[in-house]
Amino acid sequence: GVNEFLWTNLGWAYLLVMFTLVMFV
């Protein structure tokens, strides 16, 4: 249940953070 909530509602945050890290590296 926690897992589904996270990727459904906050999945966009995972994507934004990862792209930010790639650009910084």
PDBML (XML) file of the C-alpha atoms, coordinates in Angstrom:
<?xml version="1.0" encoding="UTF-8" ?>
<PDBx:datablock datablockName="MODEL"
   xmlns:PDBx="http://pdbml.pdb.org/schema/pdbx-v50.xsd"
   xmlns:xsi="http://www.w3.org/2001/XMLSchema-instance"
   xsi:schemaLocation="http://pdbml.pdb.org/schema/pdbx-v50.xsd pdbx-v50.xsd">
   <PDBx:atom_siteCategory>
      <PDBx:atom_site id="1">
         <PDBx:B_iso_or_equiv>0.00</PDBx:B_iso_or_equiv>
         <PDBx:Cartn_x>0.000</PDBx:Cartn_x>
         <PDBx:Cartn_y>0.000</PDBx:Cartn_y>
         <PDBx:Cartn_z>0.000</PDBx:Cartn_z>
         <PDBx:auth_asym_id>A</PDBx:auth_asym_id>
         <PDBx:auth_atom_id>CA</PDBx:auth_atom_id>
         <PDBx:auth_comp_id>GLY</PDBx:auth_comp_id>
         <PDBx:auth_seq_id>1</PDBx:auth_seq_id>
         <PDBx:group_PDB>ATOM</PDBx:group_PDB>
         <PDBx:label_alt_id xsi:nil="true" />
         <PDBx:label_asym_id>A</PDBx:label_asym_id>
         <PDBx:label_atom_id>CA</PDBx:label_atom_id>
         <PDBx:label_comp_id>GLY</PDBx:label_comp_id>
         <PDBx:label_entity_id>1</PDBx:label_entity_id>
         <PDBx:label_seq_id>1</PDBx:label_seq_id>
         <PDBx:occupancy>1.00</PDBx:occupancy>
         <PDBx:pdbx_PDB_model_num>1</PDBx:pdbx_PDB_model_num>
         <PDBx:type_symbol>C</PDBx:type_symbol>
      </PDBx:atom_site>
      <PDBx:atom_site id="2">
         <PDBx:B_iso_or_equiv>0.00</PDBx:B_iso_or_equiv>
         <PDBx:Cartn_x>2.770</PDBx:Cartn_x>
         <PDBx:Cartn_y>2.436</PDBx:Cartn_y>
         <PDBx:Cartn_z>0.871</PDBx:Cartn_z>
         <PDBx:auth_asym_id>A</PDBx:auth_asym_id>
         <PDBx:auth_atom_id>CA</PDBx:auth_atom_id>
         <PDBx:auth_comp_id>VAL</PDBx:auth_comp_id>
         <PDBx:auth_seq_id>2</PDBx:auth_seq_id>
         <PDBx:group_PDB>ATOM</PDBx:group_PDB>
         <PDBx:label_alt_id xsi:nil="true" />
         <PDBx:label_asym_id>A</PDBx:label_asym_id>
         <PDBx:label_atom_id>CA</PDBx:label_atom_id>
         <PDBx:label_comp_id>VAL</PDBx:label_comp_id>
         <PDBx:label_entity_id>1</PDBx:label_entity_id>
         <PDBx:label_seq_id>2</PDBx:label_seq_id>
         <PDBx:occupancy>1.00</PDBx:occupancy>
         <PDBx:pdbx_PDB_model_num>1</PDBx:pdbx_PDB_model_num>
         <PDBx:type_symbol>C</PDBx:type_symbol>
      </PDBx:atom_site>
      <PDBx:atom_site id="3">
         <PDBx:B_iso_or_equiv>0.00</PDBx:B_iso_or_equiv>
         <PDBx:Cartn_x>4.626</PDBx:Cartn_x>
         <PDBx:Cartn_y>1.468</PDBx:Cartn_y>
         <PDBx:Cartn_z>-2.278</PDBx:Cartn_z>
         <PDBx:auth_asym_id>A</PDBx:auth_asym_id>
         <PDBx:auth_atom_id>CA</PDBx:auth_atom_id>
         <PDBx:auth_comp_id>ASN</PDBx:auth_comp_id>
         <PDBx:auth_seq_id>3</PDBx:auth_seq_id>
         <PDBx:group_PDB>ATOM</PDBx:group_PDB>
         <PDBx:label_alt_id xsi:nil="true" />
         <PDBx:label_asym_id>A</PDBx:label_asym_id>
         <PDBx:label_atom_id>CA</PDBx:label_atom_id>
         <PDBx:label_comp_id>ASN</PDBx:label_comp_id>
         <PDBx:label_entity_id>1</PDBx:label_entity_id>
         <PDBx:label_seq_id>3</PDBx:label_seq_id>
         <PDBx:occupancy>1.00</PDBx:occupancy>
         <PDBx:pdbx_PDB_model_num>1</PDBx:pdbx_PDB_model_num>
         <PDBx:type_symbol>C</PDBx:type_symbol>
      </PDBx:atom_site>
      <PDBx:atom_site id="4">
         <PDBx:B_iso_or_equiv>0.00</PDBx:B_iso_or_equiv>
         <PDBx:Cartn_x>1.644</PDBx:Cartn_x>
         <PDBx:Cartn_y>2.129</PDBx:Cartn_y>
         <PDBx:Cartn_z>-4.549</PDBx:Cartn_z>
         <PDBx:auth_asym_id>A</PDBx:auth_asym_id>
         <PDBx:auth_atom_id>CA</PDBx:auth_atom_id>
         <PDBx:auth_comp_id>GLU</PDBx:auth_comp_id>
         <PDBx:auth_seq_id>4</PDBx:auth_seq_id>
         <PDBx:group_PDB>ATOM</PDBx:group_PDB>
         <PDBx:label_alt_id xsi:nil="true" />
         <PDBx:label_asym_id>A</PDBx:label_asym_id>
         <PDBx:label_atom_id>CA</PDBx:label_atom_id>
         <PDBx:label_comp_id>GLU</PDBx:label_comp_id>
         <PDBx:label_entity_id>1</PDBx:label_entity_id>
         <PDBx:label_seq_id>4</PDBx:label_seq_id>
         <PDBx:occupancy>1.00</PDBx:occupancy>
         <PDBx:pdbx_PDB_model_num>1</PDBx:pdbx_PDB_model_num>
         <PDBx:type_symbol>C</PDBx:type_symbol>
      </PDBx:atom_site>
      <PDBx:atom_site id="5">
         <PDBx:B_iso_or_equiv>0.00</PDBx:B_iso_or_equiv>
         <PDBx:Cartn_x>0.984</PDBx:Cartn_x>
         <PDBx:Cartn_y>5.498</PDBx:Cartn_y>
         <PDBx:Cartn_z>-2.918</PDBx:Cartn_z>
         <PDBx:auth_asym_id>A</PDBx:auth_asym_id>
         <PDBx:auth_atom_id>CA</PDBx:auth_atom_id>
         <PDBx:auth_comp_id>PHE</PDBx:auth_comp_id>
         <PDBx:auth_seq_id>5</PDBx:auth_seq_id>
         <PDBx:group_PDB>ATOM</PDBx:group_PDB>
         <PDBx:label_alt_id xsi:nil="true" />
         <PDBx:label_asym_id>A</PDBx:label_asym_id>
         <PDBx:label_atom_id>CA</PDBx:label_atom_id>
         <PDBx:label_comp_id>PHE</PDBx:label_comp_id>
         <PDBx:label_entity_id>1</PDBx:label_entity_id>
         <PDBx:label_seq_id>5</PDBx:label_seq_id>
         <PDBx:occupancy>1.00</PDBx:occupancy>
         <PDBx:pdbx_PDB_model_num>1</PDBx:pdbx_PDB_model_num>
         <PDBx:type_symbol>C</PDBx:type_symbol>
      </PDBx:atom_site>
      <PDBx:atom_site id="6">
         <PDBx:B_iso_or_equiv>0.00</PDBx:B_iso_or_equiv>
         <PDBx:Cartn_x>4.583</PDBx:Cartn_x>
         <PDBx:Cartn_y>6.589</PDBx:Cartn_y>
         <PDBx:Cartn_z>-3.432</PDBx:Cartn_z>
         <PDBx:auth_asym_id>A</PDBx:auth_asym_id>
         <PDBx:auth_atom_id>CA</PDBx:auth_atom_id>
         <PDBx:auth_comp_id>LEU</PDBx:auth_comp_id>
         <PDBx:auth_seq_id>6</PDBx:auth_seq_id>
         <PDBx:group_PDB>ATOM</PDBx:group_PDB>
         <PDBx:label_alt_id xsi:nil="true" />
         <PDBx:label_asym_id>A</PDBx:label_asym_id>
         <PDBx:label_atom_id>CA</PDBx:label_atom_id>
         <PDBx:label_comp_id>LEU</PDBx:label_comp_id>
         <PDBx:label_entity_id>1</PDBx:label_entity_id>
         <PDBx:label_seq_id>6</PDBx:label_seq_id>
         <PDBx:occupancy>1.00</PDBx:occupancy>
         <PDBx:pdbx_PDB_model_num>1</PDBx:pdbx_PDB_model_num>
         <PDBx:type_symbol>C</PDBx:type_symbol>
      </PDBx:atom_site>
      <PDBx:atom_site id="7">
         <PDBx:B_iso_or_equiv>0.00</PDBx:B_iso_or_equiv>
         <PDBx:Cartn_x>4.956</PDBx:Cartn_x>
         <PDBx:Cartn_y>5.734</PDBx:Cartn_y>
         <PDBx:Cartn_z>-7.099</PDBx:Cartn_z>
         <PDBx:auth_asym_id>A</PDBx:auth_asym_id>
         <PDBx:auth_atom_id>CA</PDBx:auth_atom_id>
         <PDBx:auth_comp_id>TRP</PDBx:auth_comp_id>
         <PDBx:auth_seq_id>7</PDBx:auth_seq_id>
         <PDBx:group_PDB>ATOM</PDBx:group_PDB>
         <PDBx:label_alt_id xsi:nil="true" />
         <PDBx:label_asym_id>A</PDBx:label_asym_id>
         <PDBx:label_atom_id>CA</PDBx:label_atom_id>
         <PDBx:label_comp_id>TRP</PDBx:label_comp_id>
         <PDBx:label_entity_id>1</PDBx:label_entity_id>
         <PDBx:label_seq_id>7</PDBx:label_seq_id>
         <PDBx:occupancy>1.00</PDBx:occupancy>
         <PDBx:pdbx_PDB_model_num>1</PDBx:pdbx_PDB_model_num>
         <PDBx:type_symbol>C</PDBx:type_symbol>
      </PDBx:atom_site>
      <PDBx:atom_site id="8">
         <PDBx:B_iso_or_equiv>0.00</PDBx:B_iso_or_equiv>
         <PDBx:Cartn_x>1.457</PDBx:Cartn_x>
         <PDBx:Cartn_y>6.877</PDBx:Cartn_y>
         <PDBx:Cartn_z>-8.005</PDBx:Cartn_z>
         <PDBx:auth_asym_id>A</PDBx:auth_asym_id>
         <PDBx:auth_atom_id>CA</PDBx:auth_atom_id>
         <PDBx:auth_comp_id>THR</PDBx:auth_comp_id>
         <PDBx:auth_seq_id>8</PDBx:auth_seq_id>
         <PDBx:group_PDB>ATOM</PDBx:group_PDB>
         <PDBx:label_alt_id xsi:nil="true" />
         <PDBx:label_asym_id>A</PDBx:label_asym_id>
         <PDBx:label_atom_id>CA</PDBx:label_atom_id>
         <PDBx:label_comp_id>THR</PDBx:label_comp_id>
         <PDBx:label_entity_id>1</PDBx:label_entity_id>
         <PDBx:label_seq_id>8</PDBx:label_seq_id>
         <PDBx:occupancy>1.00</PDBx:occupancy>
         <PDBx:pdbx_PDB_model_num>1</PDBx:pdbx_PDB_model_num>
         <PDBx:type_symbol>C</PDBx:type_symbol>
      </PDBx:atom_site>
      <PDBx:atom_site id="9">
         <PDBx:B_iso_or_equiv>0.00</PDBx:B_iso_or_equiv>
         <PDBx:Cartn_x>1.510</PDBx:Cartn_x>
         <PDBx:Cartn_y>10.243</PDBx:Cartn_y>
         <PDBx:Cartn_z>-6.229</PDBx:Cartn_z>
         <PDBx:auth_asym_id>A</PDBx:auth_asym_id>
         <PDBx:auth_atom_id>CA</PDBx:auth_atom_id>
         <PDBx:auth_comp_id>ASN</PDBx:auth_comp_id>
         <PDBx:auth_seq_id>9</PDBx:auth_seq_id>
         <PDBx:group_PDB>ATOM</PDBx:group_PDB>
         <PDBx:label_alt_id xsi:nil="true" />
         <PDBx:label_asym_id>A</PDBx:label_asym_id>
         <PDBx:label_atom_id>CA</PDBx:label_atom_id>
         <PDBx:label_comp_id>ASN</PDBx:label_comp_id>
         <PDBx:label_entity_id>1</PDBx:label_entity_id>
         <PDBx:label_seq_id>9</PDBx:label_seq_id>
         <PDBx:occupancy>1.00</PDBx:occupancy>
         <PDBx:pdbx_PDB_model_num>1</PDBx:pdbx_PDB_model_num>
         <PDBx:type_symbol>C</PDBx:type_symbol>
      </PDBx:atom_site>
      <PDBx:atom_site id="10">
         <PDBx:B_iso_or_equiv>0.00</PDBx:B_iso_or_equiv>
         <PDBx:Cartn_x>5.211</PDBx:Cartn_x>
         <PDBx:Cartn_y>11.070</PDBx:Cartn_y>
         <PDBx:Cartn_z>-5.915</PDBx:Cartn_z>
         <PDBx:auth_asym_id>A</PDBx:auth_asym_id>
         <PDBx:auth_atom_id>CA</PDBx:auth_atom_id>
         <PDBx:auth_comp_id>LEU</PDBx:auth_comp_id>
         <PDBx:auth_seq_id>10</PDBx:auth_seq_id>
         <PDBx:group_PDB>ATOM</PDBx:group_PDB>
         <PDBx:label_alt_id xsi:nil="true" />
         <PDBx:label_asym_id>A</PDBx:label_asym_id>
         <PDBx:label_atom_id>CA</PDBx:label_atom_id>
         <PDBx:label_comp_id>LEU</PDBx:label_comp_id>
         <PDBx:label_entity_id>1</PDBx:label_entity_id>
         <PDBx:label_seq_id>10</PDBx:label_seq_id>
         <PDBx:occupancy>1.00</PDBx:occupancy>
         <PDBx:pdbx_PDB_model_num>1</PDBx:pdbx_PDB_model_num>
         <PDBx:type_symbol>C</PDBx:type_symbol>
      </PDBx:atom_site>
      <PDBx:atom_site id="11">
         <PDBx:B_iso_or_equiv>0.00</PDBx:B_iso_or_equiv>
         <PDBx:Cartn_x>6.696</PDBx:Cartn_x>
         <PDBx:Cartn_y>9.326</PDBx:Cartn_y>
         <PDBx:Cartn_z>-8.921</PDBx:Cartn_z>
         <PDBx:auth_asym_id>A</PDBx:auth_asym_id>
         <PDBx:auth_atom_id>CA</PDBx:auth_atom_id>
         <PDBx:auth_comp_id>GLY</PDBx:auth_comp_id>
         <PDBx:auth_seq_id>11</PDBx:auth_seq_id>
         <PDBx:group_PDB>ATOM</PDBx:group_PDB>
         <PDBx:label_alt_id xsi:nil="true" />
         <PDBx:label_asym_id>A</PDBx:label_asym_id>
         <PDBx:label_atom_id>CA</PDBx:label_atom_id>
         <PDBx:label_comp_id>GLY</PDBx:label_comp_id>
         <PDBx:label_entity_id>1</PDBx:label_entity_id>
         <PDBx:label_seq_id>11</PDBx:label_seq_id>
         <PDBx:occupancy>1.00</PDBx:occupancy>
         <PDBx:pdbx_PDB_model_num>1</PDBx:pdbx_PDB_model_num>
         <PDBx:type_symbol>C</PDBx:type_symbol>
      </PDBx:atom_site>
      <PDBx:atom_site id="12">
         <PDBx:B_iso_or_equiv>0.00</PDBx:B_iso_or_equiv>
         <PDBx:Cartn_x>7.270</PDBx:Cartn_x>
         <PDBx:Cartn_y>12.661</PDBx:Cartn_y>
         <PDBx:Cartn_z>-10.623</PDBx:Cartn_z>
         <PDBx:auth_asym_id>A</PDBx:auth_asym_id>
         <PDBx:auth_atom_id>CA</PDBx:auth_atom_id>
         <PDBx:auth_comp_id>TRP</PDBx:auth_comp_id>
         <PDBx:auth_seq_id>12</PDBx:auth_seq_id>
         <PDBx:group_PDB>ATOM</PDBx:group_PDB>
         <PDBx:label_alt_id xsi:nil="true" />
         <PDBx:label_asym_id>A</PDBx:label_asym_id>
         <PDBx:label_atom_id>CA</PDBx:label_atom_id>
         <PDBx:label_comp_id>TRP</PDBx:label_comp_id>
         <PDBx:label_entity_id>1</PDBx:label_entity_id>
         <PDBx:label_seq_id>12</PDBx:label_seq_id>
         <PDBx:occupancy>1.00</PDBx:occupancy>
         <PDBx:pdbx_PDB_model_num>1</PDBx:pdbx_PDB_model_num>
         <PDBx:type_symbol>C</PDBx:type_symbol>
      </PDBx:atom_site>
      <PDBx:atom_site id="13">
         <PDBx:B_iso_or_equiv>0.00</PDBx:B_iso_or_equiv>
         <PDBx:Cartn_x>9.562</PDBx:Cartn_x>
         <PDBx:Cartn_y>13.667</PDBx:Cartn_y>
         <PDBx:Cartn_z>-7.740</PDBx:Cartn_z>
         <PDBx:auth_asym_id>A</PDBx:auth_asym_id>
         <PDBx:auth_atom_id>CA</PDBx:auth_atom_id>
         <PDBx:auth_comp_id>ALA</PDBx:auth_comp_id>
         <PDBx:auth_seq_id>13</PDBx:auth_seq_id>
         <PDBx:group_PDB>ATOM</PDBx:group_PDB>
         <PDBx:label_alt_id xsi:nil="true" />
         <PDBx:label_asym_id>A</PDBx:label_asym_id>
         <PDBx:label_atom_id>CA</PDBx:label_atom_id>
         <PDBx:label_comp_id>ALA</PDBx:label_comp_id>
         <PDBx:label_entity_id>1</PDBx:label_entity_id>
         <PDBx:label_seq_id>13</PDBx:label_seq_id>
         <PDBx:occupancy>1.00</PDBx:occupancy>
         <PDBx:pdbx_PDB_model_num>1</PDBx:pdbx_PDB_model_num>
         <PDBx:type_symbol>C</PDBx:type_symbol>
      </PDBx:atom_site>
      <PDBx:atom_site id="14">
         <PDBx:B_iso_or_equiv>0.00</PDBx:B_iso_or_equiv>
         <PDBx:Cartn_x>11.806</PDBx:Cartn_x>
         <PDBx:Cartn_y>10.631</PDBx:Cartn_y>
         <PDBx:Cartn_z>-8.265</PDBx:Cartn_z>
         <PDBx:auth_asym_id>A</PDBx:auth_asym_id>
         <PDBx:auth_atom_id>CA</PDBx:auth_atom_id>
         <PDBx:auth_comp_id>TYR</PDBx:auth_comp_id>
         <PDBx:auth_seq_id>14</PDBx:auth_seq_id>
         <PDBx:group_PDB>ATOM</PDBx:group_PDB>
         <PDBx:label_alt_id xsi:nil="true" />
         <PDBx:label_asym_id>A</PDBx:label_asym_id>
         <PDBx:label_atom_id>CA</PDBx:label_atom_id>
         <PDBx:label_comp_id>TYR</PDBx:label_comp_id>
         <PDBx:label_entity_id>1</PDBx:label_entity_id>
         <PDBx:label_seq_id>14</PDBx:label_seq_id>
         <PDBx:occupancy>1.00</PDBx:occupancy>
         <PDBx:pdbx_PDB_model_num>1</PDBx:pdbx_PDB_model_num>
         <PDBx:type_symbol>C</PDBx:type_symbol>
      </PDBx:atom_site>
      <PDBx:atom_site id="15">
         <PDBx:B_iso_or_equiv>0.00</PDBx:B_iso_or_equiv>
         <PDBx:Cartn_x>12.117</PDBx:Cartn_x>
         <PDBx:Cartn_y>11.592</PDBx:Cartn_y>
         <PDBx:Cartn_z>-11.947</PDBx:Cartn_z>
         <PDBx:auth_asym_id>A</PDBx:auth_asym_id>
         <PDBx:auth_atom_id>CA</PDBx:auth_atom_id>
         <PDBx:auth_comp_id>LEU</PDBx:auth_comp_id>
         <PDBx:auth_seq_id>15</PDBx:auth_seq_id>
         <PDBx:group_PDB>ATOM</PDBx:group_PDB>
         <PDBx:label_alt_id xsi:nil="true" />
         <PDBx:label_asym_id>A</PDBx:label_asym_id>
         <PDBx:label_atom_id>CA</PDBx:label_atom_id>
         <PDBx:label_comp_id>LEU</PDBx:label_comp_id>
         <PDBx:label_entity_id>1</PDBx:label_entity_id>
         <PDBx:label_seq_id>15</PDBx:label_seq_id>
         <PDBx:occupancy>1.00</PDBx:occupancy>
         <PDBx:pdbx_PDB_model_num>1</PDBx:pdbx_PDB_model_num>
         <PDBx:type_symbol>C</PDBx:type_symbol>
      </PDBx:atom_site>
      <PDBx:atom_site id="16">
         <PDBx:B_iso_or_equiv>0.00</PDBx:B_iso_or_equiv>
         <PDBx:Cartn_x>12.927</PDBx:Cartn_x>
         <PDBx:Cartn_y>15.249</PDBx:Cartn_y>
         <PDBx:Cartn_z>-11.276</PDBx:Cartn_z>
         <PDBx:auth_asym_id>A</PDBx:auth_asym_id>
         <PDBx:auth_atom_id>CA</PDBx:auth_atom_id>
         <PDBx:auth_comp_id>LEU</PDBx:auth_comp_id>
         <PDBx:auth_seq_id>16</PDBx:auth_seq_id>
         <PDBx:group_PDB>ATOM</PDBx:group_PDB>
         <PDBx:label_alt_id xsi:nil="true" />
         <PDBx:label_asym_id>A</PDBx:label_asym_id>
         <PDBx:label_atom_id>CA</PDBx:label_atom_id>
         <PDBx:label_comp_id>LEU</PDBx:label_comp_id>
         <PDBx:label_entity_id>1</PDBx:label_entity_id>
         <PDBx:label_seq_id>16</PDBx:label_seq_id>
         <PDBx:occupancy>1.00</PDBx:occupancy>
         <PDBx:pdbx_PDB_model_num>1</PDBx:pdbx_PDB_model_num>
         <PDBx:type_symbol>C</PDBx:type_symbol>
      </PDBx:atom_site>
      <PDBx:atom_site id="17">
         <PDBx:B_iso_or_equiv>0.00</PDBx:B_iso_or_equiv>
         <PDBx:Cartn_x>15.537</PDBx:Cartn_x>
         <PDBx:Cartn_y>14.460</PDBx:Cartn_y>
         <PDBx:Cartn_z>-8.638</PDBx:Cartn_z>
         <PDBx:auth_asym_id>A</PDBx:auth_asym_id>
         <PDBx:auth_atom_id>CA</PDBx:auth_atom_id>
         <PDBx:auth_comp_id>VAL</PDBx:auth_comp_id>
         <PDBx:auth_seq_id>17</PDBx:auth_seq_id>
         <PDBx:group_PDB>ATOM</PDBx:group_PDB>
         <PDBx:label_alt_id xsi:nil="true" />
         <PDBx:label_asym_id>A</PDBx:label_asym_id>
         <PDBx:label_atom_id>CA</PDBx:label_atom_id>
         <PDBx:label_comp_id>VAL</PDBx:label_comp_id>
         <PDBx:label_entity_id>1</PDBx:label_entity_id>
         <PDBx:label_seq_id>17</PDBx:label_seq_id>
         <PDBx:occupancy>1.00</PDBx:occupancy>
         <PDBx:pdbx_PDB_model_num>1</PDBx:pdbx_PDB_model_num>
         <PDBx:type_symbol>C</PDBx:type_symbol>
      </PDBx:atom_site>
      <PDBx:atom_site id="18">
         <PDBx:B_iso_or_equiv>0.00</PDBx:B_iso_or_equiv>
         <PDBx:Cartn_x>17.316</PDBx:Cartn_x>
         <PDBx:Cartn_y>11.916</PDBx:Cartn_y>
         <PDBx:Cartn_z>-10.837</PDBx:Cartn_z>
         <PDBx:auth_asym_id>A</PDBx:auth_asym_id>
         <PDBx:auth_atom_id>CA</PDBx:auth_atom_id>
         <PDBx:auth_comp_id>MET</PDBx:auth_comp_id>
         <PDBx:auth_seq_id>18</PDBx:auth_seq_id>
         <PDBx:group_PDB>ATOM</PDBx:group_PDB>
         <PDBx:label_alt_id xsi:nil="true" />
         <PDBx:label_asym_id>A</PDBx:label_asym_id>
         <PDBx:label_atom_id>CA</PDBx:label_atom_id>
         <PDBx:label_comp_id>MET</PDBx:label_comp_id>
         <PDBx:label_entity_id>1</PDBx:label_entity_id>
         <PDBx:label_seq_id>18</PDBx:label_seq_id>
         <PDBx:occupancy>1.00</PDBx:occupancy>
         <PDBx:pdbx_PDB_model_num>1</PDBx:pdbx_PDB_model_num>
         <PDBx:type_symbol>C</PDBx:type_symbol>
      </PDBx:atom_site>
      <PDBx:atom_site id="19">
         <PDBx:B_iso_or_equiv>0.00</PDBx:B_iso_or_equiv>
         <PDBx:Cartn_x>17.461</PDBx:Cartn_x>
         <PDBx:Cartn_y>14.263</PDBx:Cartn_y>
         <PDBx:Cartn_z>-13.822</PDBx:Cartn_z>
         <PDBx:auth_asym_id>A</PDBx:auth_asym_id>
         <PDBx:auth_atom_id>CA</PDBx:auth_atom_id>
         <PDBx:auth_comp_id>PHE</PDBx:auth_comp_id>
         <PDBx:auth_seq_id>19</PDBx:auth_seq_id>
         <PDBx:group_PDB>ATOM</PDBx:group_PDB>
         <PDBx:label_alt_id xsi:nil="true" />
         <PDBx:label_asym_id>A</PDBx:label_asym_id>
         <PDBx:label_atom_id>CA</PDBx:label_atom_id>
         <PDBx:label_comp_id>PHE</PDBx:label_comp_id>
         <PDBx:label_entity_id>1</PDBx:label_entity_id>
         <PDBx:label_seq_id>19</PDBx:label_seq_id>
         <PDBx:occupancy>1.00</PDBx:occupancy>
         <PDBx:pdbx_PDB_model_num>1</PDBx:pdbx_PDB_model_num>
         <PDBx:type_symbol>C</PDBx:type_symbol>
      </PDBx:atom_site>
      <PDBx:atom_site id="20">
         <PDBx:B_iso_or_equiv>0.00</PDBx:B_iso_or_equiv>
         <PDBx:Cartn_x>18.870</PDBx:Cartn_x>
         <PDBx:Cartn_y>17.010</PDBx:Cartn_y>
         <PDBx:Cartn_z>-11.578</PDBx:Cartn_z>
         <PDBx:auth_asym_id>A</PDBx:auth_asym_id>
         <PDBx:auth_atom_id>CA</PDBx:auth_atom_id>
         <PDBx:auth_comp_id>THR</PDBx:auth_comp_id>
         <PDBx:auth_seq_id>20</PDBx:auth_seq_id>
         <PDBx:group_PDB>ATOM</PDBx:group_PDB>
         <PDBx:label_alt_id xsi:nil="true" />
         <PDBx:label_asym_id>A</PDBx:label_asym_id>
         <PDBx:label_atom_id>CA</PDBx:label_atom_id>
         <PDBx:label_comp_id>THR</PDBx:label_comp_id>
         <PDBx:label_entity_id>1</PDBx:label_entity_id>
         <PDBx:label_seq_id>20</PDBx:label_seq_id>
         <PDBx:occupancy>1.00</PDBx:occupancy>
         <PDBx:pdbx_PDB_model_num>1</PDBx:pdbx_PDB_model_num>
         <PDBx:type_symbol>C</PDBx:type_symbol>
      </PDBx:atom_site>
      <PDBx:atom_site id="21">
         <PDBx:B_iso_or_equiv>0.00</PDBx:B_iso_or_equiv>
         <PDBx:Cartn_x>21.624</PDBx:Cartn_x>
         <PDBx:Cartn_y>14.665</PDBx:Cartn_y>
         <PDBx:Cartn_z>-10.422</PDBx:Cartn_z>
         <PDBx:auth_asym_id>A</PDBx:auth_asym_id>
         <PDBx:auth_atom_id>CA</PDBx:auth_atom_id>
         <PDBx:auth_comp_id>LEU</PDBx:auth_comp_id>
         <PDBx:auth_seq_id>21</PDBx:auth_seq_id>
         <PDBx:group_PDB>ATOM</PDBx:group_PDB>
         <PDBx:label_alt_id xsi:nil="true" />
         <PDBx:label_asym_id>A</PDBx:label_asym_id>
         <PDBx:label_atom_id>CA</PDBx:label_atom_id>
         <PDBx:label_comp_id>LEU</PDBx:label_comp_id>
         <PDBx:label_entity_id>1</PDBx:label_entity_id>
         <PDBx:label_seq_id>21</PDBx:label_seq_id>
         <PDBx:occupancy>1.00</PDBx:occupancy>
         <PDBx:pdbx_PDB_model_num>1</PDBx:pdbx_PDB_model_num>
         <PDBx:type_symbol>C</PDBx:type_symbol>
      </PDBx:atom_site>
      <PDBx:atom_site id="22">
         <PDBx:B_iso_or_equiv>0.00</PDBx:B_iso_or_equiv>
         <PDBx:Cartn_x>22.547</PDBx:Cartn_x>
         <PDBx:Cartn_y>13.712</PDBx:Cartn_y>
         <PDBx:Cartn_z>-13.993</PDBx:Cartn_z>
         <PDBx:auth_asym_id>A</PDBx:auth_asym_id>
         <PDBx:auth_atom_id>CA</PDBx:auth_atom_id>
         <PDBx:auth_comp_id>VAL</PDBx:auth_comp_id>
         <PDBx:auth_seq_id>22</PDBx:auth_seq_id>
         <PDBx:group_PDB>ATOM</PDBx:group_PDB>
         <PDBx:label_alt_id xsi:nil="true" />
         <PDBx:label_asym_id>A</PDBx:label_asym_id>
         <PDBx:label_atom_id>CA</PDBx:label_atom_id>
         <PDBx:label_comp_id>VAL</PDBx:label_comp_id>
         <PDBx:label_entity_id>1</PDBx:label_entity_id>
         <PDBx:label_seq_id>22</PDBx:label_seq_id>
         <PDBx:occupancy>1.00</PDBx:occupancy>
         <PDBx:pdbx_PDB_model_num>1</PDBx:pdbx_PDB_model_num>
         <PDBx:type_symbol>C</PDBx:type_symbol>
      </PDBx:atom_site>
      <PDBx:atom_site id="23">
         <PDBx:B_iso_or_equiv>0.00</PDBx:B_iso_or_equiv>
         <PDBx:Cartn_x>22.864</PDBx:Cartn_x>
         <PDBx:Cartn_y>17.357</PDBx:Cartn_y>
         <PDBx:Cartn_z>-15.010</PDBx:Cartn_z>
         <PDBx:auth_asym_id>A</PDBx:auth_asym_id>
         <PDBx:auth_atom_id>CA</PDBx:auth_atom_id>
         <PDBx:auth_comp_id>MET</PDBx:auth_comp_id>
         <PDBx:auth_seq_id>23</PDBx:auth_seq_id>
         <PDBx:group_PDB>ATOM</PDBx:group_PDB>
         <PDBx:label_alt_id xsi:nil="true" />
         <PDBx:label_asym_id>A</PDBx:label_asym_id>
         <PDBx:label_atom_id>CA</PDBx:label_atom_id>
         <PDBx:label_comp_id>MET</PDBx:label_comp_id>
         <PDBx:label_entity_id>1</PDBx:label_entity_id>
         <PDBx:label_seq_id>23</PDBx:label_seq_id>
         <PDBx:occupancy>1.00</PDBx:occupancy>
         <PDBx:pdbx_PDB_model_num>1</PDBx:pdbx_PDB_model_num>
         <PDBx:type_symbol>C</PDBx:type_symbol>
      </PDBx:atom_site>
      <PDBx:atom_site id="24">
         <PDBx:B_iso_or_equiv>0.00</PDBx:B_iso_or_equiv>
         <PDBx:Cartn_x>25.012</PDBx:Cartn_x>
         <PDBx:Cartn_y>18.127</PDBx:Cartn_y>
         <PDBx:Cartn_z>-11.971</PDBx:Cartn_z>
         <PDBx:auth_asym_id>A</PDBx:auth_asym_id>
         <PDBx:auth_atom_id>CA</PDBx:auth_atom_id>
         <PDBx:auth_comp_id>PHE</PDBx:auth_comp_id>
         <PDBx:auth_seq_id>24</PDBx:auth_seq_id>
         <PDBx:group_PDB>ATOM</PDBx:group_PDB>
         <PDBx:label_alt_id xsi:nil="true" />
         <PDBx:label_asym_id>A</PDBx:label_asym_id>
         <PDBx:label_atom_id>CA</PDBx:label_atom_id>
         <PDBx:label_comp_id>PHE</PDBx:label_comp_id>
         <PDBx:label_entity_id>1</PDBx:label_entity_id>
         <PDBx:label_seq_id>24</PDBx:label_seq_id>
         <PDBx:occupancy>1.00</PDBx:occupancy>
         <PDBx:pdbx_PDB_model_num>1</PDBx:pdbx_PDB_model_num>
         <PDBx:type_symbol>C</PDBx:type_symbol>
      </PDBx:atom_site>
      <PDBx:atom_site id="25">
         <PDBx:B_iso_or_equiv>0.00</PDBx:B_iso_or_equiv>
         <PDBx:Cartn_x>27.395</PDBx:Cartn_x>
         <PDBx:Cartn_y>15.236</PDBx:Cartn_y>
         <PDBx:Cartn_z>-12.627</PDBx:Cartn_z>
         <PDBx:auth_asym_id>A</PDBx:auth_asym_id>
         <PDBx:auth_atom_id>CA</PDBx:auth_atom_id>
         <PDBx:auth_comp_id>VAL</PDBx:auth_comp_id>
         <PDBx:auth_seq_id>25</PDBx:auth_seq_id>
         <PDBx:group_PDB>ATOM</PDBx:group_PDB>
         <PDBx:label_alt_id xsi:nil="true" />
         <PDBx:label_asym_id>A</PDBx:label_asym_id>
         <PDBx:label_atom_id>CA</PDBx:label_atom_id>
         <PDBx:label_comp_id>VAL</PDBx:label_comp_id>
         <PDBx:label_entity_id>1</PDBx:label_entity_id>
         <PDBx:label_seq_id>25</PDBx:label_seq_id>
         <PDBx:occupancy>1.00</PDBx:occupancy>
         <PDBx:pdbx_PDB_model_num>1</PDBx:pdbx_PDB_model_num>
         <PDBx:type_symbol>C</PDBx:type_symbol>
      </PDBx:atom_site>
   </PDBx:atom_siteCategory>
</PDBx:datablock>
